[in-house]
N, C-alpha and C. Protein backbone atom coordinates (compact mmCIF):
# COMPACT_ATOMS: atom_id res chain seq x y z
N MET A 1 -9.81 -21.38 2.84
CA MET A 1 -10.63 -20.89 3.07
C MET A 1 -10.67 -19.71 4.62
N HIS A 2 -10.96 -18.62 3.84
CA HIS A 2 -10.44 -17.68 5.03
C HIS A 2 -12.05 -17.63 6.15
N CYS A 3 -11.81 -17.26 7.06
CA CYS A 3 -12.92 -17.17 7.92
C CYS A 3 -12.84 -15.72 8.79
N PRO A 4 -14.02 -14.92 8.62
CA PRO A 4 -13.79 -13.63 9.50
C PRO A 4 -14.12 -13.48 10.59
N ALA A 5 -13.59 -12.58 11.33
CA ALA A 5 -13.97 -12.63 12.92
C ALA A 5 -14.32 -11.38 12.88
N LEU A 6 -15.38 -11.32 13.78
CA LEU A 6 -15.93 -9.68 14.11
C LEU A 6 -16.06 -9.43 15.97
N ALA A 7 -15.36 -8.67 16.33
CA ALA A 7 -14.89 -8.19 17.69
C ALA A 7 -16.56 -7.54 17.89
N VAL A 8 -17.39 -8.02 19.25
CA VAL A 8 -18.48 -8.18 19.51
C VAL A 8 -18.72 -6.46 20.03
N GLU A 9 -17.28 -6.14 21.03
CA GLU A 9 -17.31 -5.25 21.89
C GLU A 9 -15.85 -4.31 21.92
N PRO A 10 -15.92 -4.41 20.72
CA PRO A 10 -13.63 -3.55 21.07
C PRO A 10 -13.83 -2.61 21.83
N GLU A 11 -12.62 -1.95 21.81
CA GLU A 11 -12.13 -1.26 22.47
C GLU A 11 -11.53 0.08 21.79
N VAL A 12 -10.65 -0.65 20.99
CA VAL A 12 -10.87 0.12 19.24
C VAL A 12 -10.62 -0.12 18.07
N ILE A 13 -10.91 0.66 17.38
CA ILE A 13 -11.26 0.53 16.10
C ILE A 13 -10.20 0.74 15.05
N LEU A 14 -9.45 -0.05 14.17
CA LEU A 14 -8.41 0.31 13.28
C LEU A 14 -9.27 0.52 12.18
N PHE A 15 -8.56 1.92 11.48
CA PHE A 15 -8.95 2.14 9.81
C PHE A 15 -7.05 1.90 9.14
N ASP A 16 -7.13 1.23 8.34
CA ASP A 16 -6.07 0.99 7.52
C ASP A 16 -6.36 1.50 5.93
N GLU A 17 -5.90 3.26 6.25
CA GLU A 17 -6.01 3.68 4.48
C GLU A 17 -7.89 3.38 4.10
N PRO A 18 -8.57 4.13 5.06
CA PRO A 18 -9.85 3.43 4.95
C PRO A 18 -10.63 4.27 3.62
N CYS A 19 -10.35 5.40 3.12
CA CYS A 19 -10.70 6.17 2.01
C CYS A 19 -9.64 5.86 0.85
N SER A 20 -8.42 4.85 0.69
CA SER A 20 -7.67 5.15 -0.59
C SER A 20 -8.26 4.57 -1.55
N ALA A 21 -8.36 5.41 -2.83
CA ALA A 21 -8.97 4.70 -4.20
C ALA A 21 -10.76 5.22 -4.36
N ILE A 22 -11.16 5.93 -3.38
CA ILE A 22 -12.56 6.24 -3.55
C ILE A 22 -12.54 7.46 -3.46
N ASP A 23 -13.70 8.11 -3.90
CA ASP A 23 -14.22 9.46 -4.34
C ASP A 23 -14.63 10.33 -3.05
N PRO A 24 -14.66 11.65 -3.82
CA PRO A 24 -15.05 12.35 -2.55
C PRO A 24 -15.95 12.11 -1.58
N ILE A 25 -17.10 12.14 -2.29
CA ILE A 25 -18.14 12.01 -1.26
C ILE A 25 -18.13 10.62 -0.11
N ALA A 26 -17.45 9.36 -1.21
CA ALA A 26 -17.44 8.21 0.03
C ALA A 26 -16.72 8.34 0.88
N THR A 27 -15.50 9.41 1.09
CA THR A 27 -14.48 9.59 1.68
C THR A 27 -15.20 10.50 2.48
N ALA A 28 -16.18 11.48 2.50
CA ALA A 28 -16.78 12.44 3.71
C ALA A 28 -18.02 11.58 4.40
N LYS A 29 -18.78 10.61 3.56
CA LYS A 29 -18.67 9.70 4.35
C LYS A 29 -18.58 8.68 5.48
N ILE A 30 -17.16 8.21 5.31
CA ILE A 30 -16.30 7.73 5.96
C ILE A 30 -15.97 8.44 7.22
N GLU A 31 -15.31 9.92 6.80
CA GLU A 31 -14.85 10.48 8.12
C GLU A 31 -15.93 11.01 8.58
N ASP A 32 -17.25 11.26 8.48
CA ASP A 32 -18.61 11.27 9.27
C ASP A 32 -18.59 10.12 10.00
N LEU A 33 -18.38 8.90 9.76
CA LEU A 33 -18.40 7.78 10.46
C LEU A 33 -17.69 7.84 11.40
N ILE A 34 -16.27 8.19 11.36
CA ILE A 34 -14.99 8.12 12.09
C ILE A 34 -15.44 8.89 13.21
N HIS A 35 -15.86 10.00 12.69
CA HIS A 35 -16.43 11.03 13.64
C HIS A 35 -17.47 10.97 15.08
N LYS A 36 -18.31 10.19 14.18
CA LYS A 36 -19.39 9.58 15.68
C LYS A 36 -18.62 8.26 15.91
N LEU A 37 -18.10 7.40 15.73
CA LEU A 37 -17.29 6.31 16.45
C LEU A 37 -16.35 6.76 17.38
N LYS A 38 -15.90 8.14 17.04
CA LYS A 38 -14.81 8.49 18.15
C LYS A 38 -15.61 8.32 19.40
N GLN A 39 -16.70 8.94 19.26
CA GLN A 39 -17.76 9.42 20.33
C GLN A 39 -17.67 8.15 22.03
N ASP A 40 -17.50 6.96 21.25
CA ASP A 40 -17.55 5.80 22.16
C ASP A 40 -16.53 4.92 22.10
N TYR A 41 -15.55 4.92 21.12
CA TYR A 41 -14.75 4.49 20.47
C TYR A 41 -13.64 4.86 20.72
N THR A 42 -12.32 4.55 21.11
CA THR A 42 -10.73 4.57 20.36
C THR A 42 -10.70 4.48 19.20
N VAL A 43 -10.00 5.14 17.89
CA VAL A 43 -10.20 5.25 16.86
C VAL A 43 -9.03 5.64 16.36
N VAL A 44 -7.94 4.77 15.61
CA VAL A 44 -6.57 4.57 15.23
C VAL A 44 -7.23 4.59 13.55
N ILE A 45 -6.39 5.52 12.95
CA ILE A 45 -6.53 5.27 11.34
C ILE A 45 -4.87 5.59 10.94
N VAL A 46 -5.03 5.08 10.01
CA VAL A 46 -3.49 4.81 9.26
C VAL A 46 -3.63 5.42 8.11
N THR A 47 -3.36 6.88 7.95
CA THR A 47 -3.02 7.21 6.52
C THR A 47 -2.15 7.94 5.81
N HIS A 48 -1.90 7.87 4.54
CA HIS A 48 -0.90 8.89 3.82
C HIS A 48 -1.69 10.31 4.04
N ASN A 49 -2.49 10.20 3.79
CA ASN A 49 -3.34 11.64 3.03
C ASN A 49 -3.76 12.50 4.69
N MET A 50 -2.24 13.53 4.66
CA MET A 50 -2.06 14.51 5.57
C MET A 50 -3.63 15.34 5.90
N GLN A 51 -4.08 15.71 4.52
CA GLN A 51 -5.20 17.05 5.34
C GLN A 51 -6.46 15.67 6.04
N GLN A 52 -6.41 14.27 5.72
CA GLN A 52 -7.60 13.62 6.16
C GLN A 52 -7.23 13.25 7.56
N ALA A 53 -5.93 12.99 7.76
CA ALA A 53 -5.57 12.95 9.36
C ALA A 53 -5.71 14.38 9.93
N ALA A 54 -5.50 15.78 9.39
CA ALA A 54 -6.12 16.96 10.15
C ALA A 54 -7.66 17.09 10.36
N ARG A 55 -8.03 16.80 9.41
CA ARG A 55 -9.73 16.64 9.50
C ARG A 55 -10.19 15.76 10.44
N VAL A 56 -9.55 14.39 11.23
CA VAL A 56 -10.36 13.38 11.54
C VAL A 56 -9.73 13.36 13.01
N SER A 57 -8.55 13.76 12.99
CA SER A 57 -7.79 13.15 14.29
C SER A 57 -8.06 14.09 15.51
N ASP A 58 -7.50 13.62 16.77
CA ASP A 58 -7.71 14.26 17.96
C ASP A 58 -5.86 14.45 18.63
N PHE A 59 -5.51 13.44 18.23
CA PHE A 59 -4.11 12.93 18.79
C PHE A 59 -3.30 12.71 16.91
N THR A 60 -1.69 13.05 16.81
CA THR A 60 -1.24 12.64 15.89
C THR A 60 0.01 12.15 16.19
N ALA A 61 0.46 10.96 15.47
CA ALA A 61 1.45 10.46 15.26
C ALA A 61 2.06 10.25 13.94
N PHE A 62 3.44 11.01 14.13
CA PHE A 62 4.66 10.66 12.71
C PHE A 62 5.60 9.65 12.66
N MET A 63 5.36 8.94 12.11
CA MET A 63 6.50 7.73 11.76
C MET A 63 7.34 8.00 10.70
N MET A 64 8.82 7.27 10.73
CA MET A 64 9.19 7.44 9.95
C MET A 64 10.40 6.11 10.04
N LEU A 65 10.24 5.51 9.09
CA LEU A 65 11.01 4.25 9.07
C LEU A 65 10.81 3.46 10.17
N GLY A 66 9.71 3.42 10.55
CA GLY A 66 9.16 2.33 11.26
C GLY A 66 9.21 2.69 12.76
N GLU A 67 9.95 4.13 13.23
CA GLU A 67 10.26 4.57 14.35
C GLU A 67 8.95 5.97 14.58
N LEU A 68 8.74 5.80 15.60
CA LEU A 68 7.90 7.28 16.20
C LEU A 68 8.55 8.13 16.36
N VAL A 69 8.42 9.31 15.72
CA VAL A 69 9.40 10.46 15.61
C VAL A 69 8.40 11.81 16.64
N GLU A 70 7.34 11.50 16.70
CA GLU A 70 6.39 12.71 17.40
C GLU A 70 5.03 12.27 17.65
N PHE A 71 4.38 12.43 18.65
CA PHE A 71 2.82 12.10 18.94
C PHE A 71 2.89 13.23 19.82
N GLU A 72 1.64 13.69 19.29
CA GLU A 72 1.10 14.74 20.22
C GLU A 72 -0.19 15.12 19.93
N ARG A 73 -0.94 15.84 20.84
CA ARG A 73 -2.64 16.68 20.16
C ARG A 73 -2.58 17.06 19.79
N HIS A 74 -3.38 17.22 18.54
CA HIS A 74 -3.55 18.06 17.19
C HIS A 74 -3.72 19.18 17.74
N ARG A 75 -2.99 19.86 16.65
CA ARG A 75 -2.84 21.37 16.98
C ARG A 75 -3.43 22.11 15.69
N GLU A 76 -3.31 23.42 15.85
CA GLU A 76 -3.60 23.71 14.17
C GLU A 76 -2.75 24.35 13.66
N ASP A 77 -1.59 24.24 13.95
CA ASP A 77 -0.44 24.37 12.81
C ASP A 77 0.67 22.37 12.82
N PHE A 78 -1.13 22.13 12.12
CA PHE A 78 -0.79 20.29 12.21
C PHE A 78 0.35 20.14 11.14
N TYR A 79 0.79 21.18 10.21
CA TYR A 79 1.64 20.82 8.82
C TYR A 79 3.12 21.50 9.10
N LYS A 80 3.39 22.09 10.54
CA LYS A 80 4.76 22.01 10.84
C LYS A 80 4.91 21.35 12.54
N PRO A 81 5.36 20.16 11.96
CA PRO A 81 5.51 19.39 13.24
C PRO A 81 6.56 19.29 13.66
N GLY A 82 6.60 19.89 15.11
CA GLY A 82 8.14 19.67 15.85
C GLY A 82 8.21 20.74 16.51
N GLN A 83 7.49 21.85 16.52
CA GLN A 83 7.42 23.17 16.41
C GLN A 83 6.38 23.49 17.44
């Protein structure tokens, strides 16, 4: 039997693919929640959805084969990494 754990006062909240396989309305609600939470917490989101990353991120890390390729503040030219 698994026993769930709940962090009472976390410093960081990790979302791992929070919107995979859900509809656009539910996705929008989760993204709204992320925007609210990041006012008081450090929020880390792991996603393969580049559009979602662009909508919710302040900083973006690109990884390839387990290596950090790029990390920087979110830019307007989000779809042109390394420039």
